[in-house]
C-alpha atoms as a PDB file:
ATOM      1  CA  MET A   1      15.701  -0.668  10.915  1.00  0.00           C
ATOM      2  CA  LEU A   2      13.754  -0.281   7.728  1.00  0.00           C
ATOM      3  CA  ASN A   3      10.714   1.763   8.043  1.00  0.00           C
ATOM      4  CA  ILE A   4       7.915   0.614   5.549  1.00  0.00           C
ATOM      5  CA  LEU A   5       4.707   2.441   4.953  1.00  0.00           C
ATOM      6  CA  ALA A   6       1.639   0.211   4.232  1.00  0.00           C
ATOM      7  CA  ILE A   7      -1.435   1.811   2.559  1.00  0.00           C
ATOM      8  CA  SER A   8      -4.882   0.173   1.852  1.00  0.00           C
ATOM      9  CA  GLY A   9      -6.576   1.508  -1.084  1.00  0.00           C
ATOM     10  CA  SER A  10      -9.959   0.549   0.553  1.00  0.00           C
ATOM     11  CA  LEU A  11     -11.947   2.820   2.822  1.00  0.00           C
ATOM     12  CA  ARG A  12     -14.322   0.174   3.996  1.00  0.00           C
ATOM     13  CA  ALA A  13     -14.412  -0.585   7.667  1.00  0.00           C
ATOM     14  CA  ALA A  14     -14.299  -4.397   7.059  1.00  0.00           C
ATOM     15  CA  SER A  15     -11.870  -4.201   4.229  1.00  0.00           C
ATOM     16  CA  THR A  16      -9.998  -7.396   3.482  1.00  0.00           C
ATOM     17  CA  ASN A  17      -7.033  -5.152   1.994  1.00  0.00           C
ATOM     18  CA  SER A  18      -6.851  -3.180   5.192  1.00  0.00           C
ATOM     19  CA  ALA A  19      -6.903  -6.334   7.245  1.00  0.00           C
ATOM     20  CA  LEU A  20      -4.095  -7.808   5.184  1.00  0.00           C
ATOM     21  CA  ILE A  21      -2.042  -4.524   5.640  1.00  0.00           C
ATOM     22  CA  ALA A  22      -2.593  -4.729   9.481  1.00  0.00           C
ATOM     23  CA  ALA A  23      -1.444  -8.296   9.474  1.00  0.00           C
ATOM     24  CA  LEU A  24       1.669  -7.408   7.716  1.00  0.00           C
ATOM     25  CA  ALA A  25       2.391  -4.749  10.295  1.00  0.00           C
ATOM     26  CA  ARG A  26       1.892  -7.455  13.059  1.00  0.00           C
ATOM     27  CA  ASN A  27       4.171 -10.012  11.206  1.00  0.00           C
ATOM     28  CA  ALA A  28       7.087  -7.747  10.284  1.00  0.00           C
ATOM     29  CA  PRO A  29      10.341  -9.654  10.495  1.00  0.00           C
ATOM     30  CA  PRO A  30      13.228  -8.424  12.510  1.00  0.00           C
ATOM     31  CA  GLY A  31      14.789  -5.270  11.129  1.00  0.00           C
ATOM     32  CA  CYS A  32      11.444  -3.951   9.692  1.00  0.00           C
ATOM     33  CA  ARG A  33       8.811  -1.744  11.055  1.00  0.00           C
ATOM     34  CA  VAL A  34       5.586  -1.623   9.029  1.00  0.00           C
ATOM     35  CA  ALA A  35       3.483   1.670   9.737  1.00  0.00           C
ATOM     36  CA  VAL A  36      -0.110   1.734   8.394  1.00  0.00           C
ATOM     37  CA  HIS A  37      -1.370   4.898   6.817  1.00  0.00           C
ATOM     38  CA  ASP A  38      -5.107   4.784   7.276  1.00  0.00           C
ATOM     39  CA  ARG A  39      -6.163   8.249   6.422  1.00  0.00           C
ATOM     40  CA  LEU A  40      -6.968   8.216   2.775  1.00  0.00           C
ATOM     41  CA  GLY A  41     -10.615   8.953   3.474  1.00  0.00           C
ATOM     42  CA  ARG A  42      -9.500  12.288   4.960  1.00  0.00           C
ATOM     43  CA  LEU A  43      -7.584  13.570   1.919  1.00  0.00           C
ATOM     44  CA  PRO A  44      -9.199  16.327   0.026  1.00  0.00           C
ATOM     45  CA  ILE A  45      -9.653  15.816  -3.721  1.00  0.00           C
ATOM     46  CA  PHE A  46      -6.432  16.707  -5.472  1.00  0.00           C
ATOM     47  CA  ASN A  47      -6.300  20.041  -7.204  1.00  0.00           C
ATOM     48  CA  PRO A  48      -2.986  21.235  -8.462  1.00  0.00           C
ATOM     49  CA  ASP A  49      -4.021  24.809  -7.599  1.00  0.00           C
ATOM     50  CA  ASP A  50      -3.682  23.600  -3.882  1.00  0.00           C
ATOM     51  CA  GLU A  51       0.020  22.566  -4.149  1.00  0.00           C
ATOM     52  CA  GLY A  52       3.006  24.373  -2.568  1.00  0.00           C
ATOM     53  CA  GLU A  53       2.161  26.640   0.263  1.00  0.00           C
ATOM     54  CA  ARG A  54      -1.574  25.682  -0.071  1.00  0.00           C
ATOM     55  CA  THR A  55      -1.095  21.960   0.367  1.00  0.00           C
ATOM     56  CA  PRO A  56      -3.759  20.645   2.779  1.00  0.00           C
ATOM     57  CA  GLN A  57      -2.338  19.295   6.129  1.00  0.00           C
ATOM     58  CA  GLU A  58      -3.785  15.777   5.333  1.00  0.00           C
ATOM     59  CA  ALA A  59      -1.931  15.800   1.968  1.00  0.00           C
ATOM     60  CA  SER A  60       1.289  17.008   3.625  1.00  0.00           C
ATOM     61  CA  THR A  61       0.992  14.217   6.281  1.00  0.00           C
ATOM     62  CA  LEU A  62       0.740  11.589   3.439  1.00  0.00           C
ATOM     63  CA  ILE A  63       3.535  13.225   1.358  1.00  0.00           C
ATOM     64  CA  ASP A  64       5.842  13.320   4.456  1.00  0.00           C
ATOM     65  CA  ALA A  65       5.019   9.738   5.368  1.00  0.00           C
ATOM     66  CA  VAL A  66       5.969   8.449   1.848  1.00  0.00           C
ATOM     67  CA  THR A  67       9.229  10.624   1.902  1.00  0.00           C
ATOM     68  CA  GLN A  68      10.324   9.414   5.141  1.00  0.00           C
ATOM     69  CA  ALA A  69       9.560   5.677   4.459  1.00  0.00           C
ATOM     70  CA  ASP A  70      12.331   3.338   3.073  1.00  0.00           C
ATOM     71  CA  GLY A  71       9.542   1.607   1.111  1.00  0.00           C
ATOM     72  CA  VAL A  72       5.863   1.490   0.456  1.00  0.00           C
ATOM     73  CA  ILE A  73       3.474  -1.420   0.349  1.00  0.00           C
ATOM     74  CA  ILE A  74      -0.017  -0.961  -1.278  1.00  0.00           C
ATOM     75  CA  SER A  75      -2.938  -3.372  -1.012  1.00  0.00           C
ATOM     76  CA  CYS A  76      -5.668  -2.395  -3.433  1.00  0.00           C
ATOM     77  CA  PRO A  77      -9.230  -3.608  -4.286  1.00  0.00           C
ATOM     78  CA  GLU A  78     -10.680  -3.354  -7.611  1.00  0.00           C
ATOM     79  CA  TYR A  79     -13.756  -1.286  -8.244  1.00  0.00           C
ATOM     80  CA  ALA A  80     -15.418  -1.334 -11.835  1.00  0.00           C
ATOM     81  CA  HIS A  81     -12.089  -2.766 -13.219  1.00  0.00           C
ATOM     82  CA  GLY A  82      -9.989   0.136 -11.877  1.00  0.00           C
ATOM     83  CA  VAL A  83      -8.201   1.621  -8.917  1.00  0.00           C
ATOM     84  CA  PRO A  84     -10.355   2.941  -6.193  1.00  0.00           C
ATOM     85  CA  GLY A  85     -10.703   6.814  -6.402  1.00  0.00           C
ATOM     86  CA  GLY A  86      -9.441   7.377  -2.804  1.00  0.00           C
ATOM     87  CA  LEU A  87      -6.134   5.601  -3.637  1.00  0.00           C
ATOM     88  CA  LYS A  88      -5.783   7.261  -6.985  1.00  0.00           C
ATOM     89  CA  ASN A  89      -6.379  10.558  -5.204  1.00  0.00           C
ATOM     90  CA  ALA A  90      -3.733   9.935  -2.723  1.00  0.00           C
ATOM     91  CA  LEU A  91      -1.194   9.046  -5.632  1.00  0.00           C
ATOM     92  CA  ASP A  92      -2.152  12.184  -7.360  1.00  0.00           C
ATOM     93  CA  TRP A  93      -1.024  14.200  -4.335  1.00  0.00           C
ATOM     94  CA  LEU A  94       2.403  12.608  -4.823  1.00  0.00           C
ATOM     95  CA  VAL A  95       2.755  13.249  -8.453  1.00  0.00           C
ATOM     96  CA  SER A  96       4.537  16.577  -8.541  1.00  0.00           C
ATOM     97  CA  ARG A  97       6.641  15.781  -5.421  1.00  0.00           C
ATOM     98  CA  ASP A  98       9.921  13.721  -5.114  1.00  0.00           C
ATOM     99  CA  ALA A  99       8.405  11.338  -2.725  1.00  0.00           C
ATOM    100  CA  ALA A 100       7.704   8.606  -5.141  1.00  0.00           C
ATOM    101  CA  VAL A 101      10.710   8.923  -7.303  1.00  0.00           C
ATOM    102  CA  ALA A 102      12.812   5.745  -6.938  1.00  0.00           C
ATOM    103  CA  LYS A 103      10.786   4.903  -3.840  1.00  0.00           C
ATOM    104  CA  PRO A 104      10.818   1.075  -3.503  1.00  0.00           C
ATOM    105  CA  ALA A 105       7.159  -0.218  -3.615  1.00  0.00           C
ATOM    106  CA  MET A 106       5.478  -3.580  -3.385  1.00  0.00           C
ATOM    107  CA  LEU A 107       1.892  -4.675  -4.123  1.00  0.00           C
ATOM    108  CA  VAL A 108       0.020  -7.085  -1.978  1.00  0.00           C
ATOM    109  CA  HIS A 109      -3.536  -8.483  -2.809  1.00  0.00           C
ATOM    110  CA  ALA A 110      -6.426  -9.753  -0.937  1.00  0.00           C
ATOM    111  CA  SER A 111      -8.208 -10.915  -3.964  1.00  0.00           C
ATOM    112  CA  PRO A 112      -7.107 -13.106  -7.063  1.00  0.00           C
ATOM    113  CA  ARG A 113      -9.552 -11.320  -9.053  1.00  0.00           C
ATOM    114  CA  SER A 114      -8.401  -7.837  -9.123  1.00  0.00           C
ATOM    115  CA  LEU A 115      -6.260  -8.182 -12.202  1.00  0.00           C
ATOM    116  CA  PHE A 116      -7.451  -4.890 -14.012  1.00  0.00           C
ATOM    117  CA  ALA A 117      -6.691  -2.770 -10.869  1.00  0.00           C
ATOM    118  CA  ARG A 118      -3.374  -4.472 -10.497  1.00  0.00           C
ATOM    119  CA  ALA A 119      -2.349  -3.636 -13.984  1.00  0.00           C
ATOM    120  CA  ALA A 120      -3.603   0.054 -13.693  1.00  0.00           C
ATOM    121  CA  LEU A 121      -1.873   0.434 -10.443  1.00  0.00           C
ATOM    122  CA  VAL A 122       1.551  -0.871 -11.786  1.00  0.00           C
ATOM    123  CA  GLU A 123       1.130   1.492 -14.801  1.00  0.00           C
ATOM    124  CA  ILE A 124       0.380   4.486 -12.457  1.00  0.00           C
ATOM    125  CA  MET A 125       3.219   3.699 -10.163  1.00  0.00           C
ATOM    126  CA  ARG A 126       5.694   3.141 -12.849  1.00  0.00           C
ATOM    127  CA  THR A 127       4.811   6.403 -14.438  1.00  0.00           C
ATOM    128  CA  MET A 128       5.356   8.127 -11.162  1.00  0.00           C
ATOM    129  CA  SER A 129       8.838   6.428 -11.002  1.00  0.00           C
ATOM    130  CA  PHE A 130       8.299   4.158  -8.051  1.00  0.00           C
ATOM    131  CA  ALA A 131      10.702   1.332  -8.094  1.00  0.00           C
ATOM    132  CA  LEU A 132       8.419  -1.657  -8.145  1.00  0.00           C
ATOM    133  CA  CYS A 133       9.454  -4.968  -6.515  1.00  0.00           C
ATOM    134  CA  GLU A 134       8.549  -7.929  -8.594  1.00  0.00           C
ATOM    135  CA  ASP A 135       7.744 -10.068  -5.579  1.00  0.00           C
ATOM    136  CA  VAL A 136       3.996  -9.958  -4.865  1.00  0.00           C
ATOM    137  CA  LEU A 137       2.097 -11.425  -1.856  1.00  0.00           C
ATOM    138  CA  GLU A 138      -1.493 -12.510  -2.402  1.00  0.00           C
ATOM    139  CA  ILE A 139      -3.526 -14.073   0.351  1.00  0.00           C
ATOM    140  CA  ALA A 140      -7.163 -14.802  -0.963  1.00  0.00           C
ATOM    141  CA  LEU A 141      -9.598 -13.098   1.330  1.00  0.00           C
ATOM    142  CA  LEU A 142     -12.207 -12.118  -1.218  1.00  0.00           C
ATOM    143  CA  GLY A 143     -15.788 -12.634   0.262  1.00  0.00           C
ATOM    144  CA  LYS A 144     -14.659 -13.565   3.658  1.00  0.00           C
ATOM    145  CA  LYS A 145     -16.289 -12.045   6.696  1.00  0.00           C
ATOM    146  CA  PRO A 146     -13.903 -10.433   9.297  1.00  0.00           C
ATOM    147  CA  PRO A 147     -13.717 -13.524  11.606  1.00  0.00           C
ATOM    148  CA  GLU A 148     -12.674 -15.730   8.698  1.00  0.00           C
ATOM    149  CA  VAL A 149     -10.264 -13.109   7.371  1.00  0.00           C
ATOM    150  CA  GLU A 150      -8.534 -13.143  10.952  1.00  0.00           C
ATOM    151  CA  THR A 151      -8.354 -16.845  10.974  1.00  0.00           C
ATOM    152  CA  ILE A 152      -6.815 -16.960   7.599  1.00  0.00           C
ATOM    153  CA  LEU A 153      -4.288 -14.361   8.378  1.00  0.00           C
ATOM    154  CA  ALA A 154      -3.441 -16.091  11.621  1.00  0.00           C
ATOM    155  CA  GLU A 155      -2.759 -19.439   9.837  1.00  0.00           C
ATOM    156  CA  PRO A 156       1.023 -20.443   9.952  1.00  0.00           C
ATOM    157  CA  GLU A 157       1.284 -20.495   6.163  1.00  0.00           C
ATOM    158  CA  SER A 158      -0.228 -17.089   5.859  1.00  0.00           C
ATOM    159  CA  GLN A 159       2.182 -15.654   8.437  1.00  0.00           C
ATOM    160  CA  LEU A 160       5.102 -17.394   6.810  1.00  0.00           C
ATOM    161  CA  ALA A 161       3.922 -15.806   3.479  1.00  0.00           C
ATOM    162  CA  MET A 162       3.686 -12.414   4.996  1.00  0.00           C
ATOM    163  CA  CYS A 163       7.137 -12.611   6.699  1.00  0.00           C
ATOM    164  CA  GLY A 164       8.553 -13.932   3.580  1.00  0.00           C
ATOM    165  CA  ALA A 165       7.052 -11.185   1.207  1.00  0.00           C
ATOM    166  CA  LEU A 166       8.372  -8.606   3.728  1.00  0.00           C
ATOM    167  CA  SER A 167      11.820 -10.135   3.971  1.00  0.00           C
ATOM    168  CA  ALA A 168      12.010 -10.099   0.171  1.00  0.00           C
ATOM    169  CA  PHE A 169      10.895  -6.558   0.027  1.00  0.00           C
ATOM    170  CA  ALA A 170      13.500  -5.630   2.669  1.00  0.00           C
ATOM    171  CA  ASP A 171      16.141  -7.274   0.640  1.00  0.00           C
ATOM    172  CA  PHE A 172      14.934  -5.228  -2.505  1.00  0.00           C
ATOM    173  CA  ILE A 173      14.983  -1.843  -0.458  1.00  0.00           C
ATOM    174  CA  ARG A 174      18.558  -2.721   0.780  1.00  0.00           C
ATOM    175  CA  LEU A 175      19.853  -3.679  -2.753  1.00  0.00           C
ATOM    176  CA  ARG A 176      18.745  -0.193  -4.222  1.00  0.00           C
END
């Protein structure tokens, strides 16, 4: 059984990125378990002085979850042409750890317009030595209200796309 950690870069209650991550967890193919890490808003701001024995519990929880996962999936909105601060903060907590080194990772998107954030996130994650899967899932949810989002995510073609993306990511993980 592959254990995949899914993280939404959005802290909004009605986030389309979080809805996509939750739908991925519900549509995991056989042999995959997708756990959602939804505690980014509880992380303290990264400070290198707080590493080691002083690492806050919330940061340790994230670090352990990434370390124990066979792979990581991130769905990230774009704010002002960049990666949201909460997600960047979470990644900063991983920088000096081995958790990200060679860790298989895949990006999924809920908006076709988040091109600047995608490029920035790819650069950040490559710099951190994540092993990025070239397969990407995009389900356009931008501007949709929660009932519309759930309807789109429940459509057979969306479920097939999610299952296919997870299967491709599982293959990527197994081949590493």
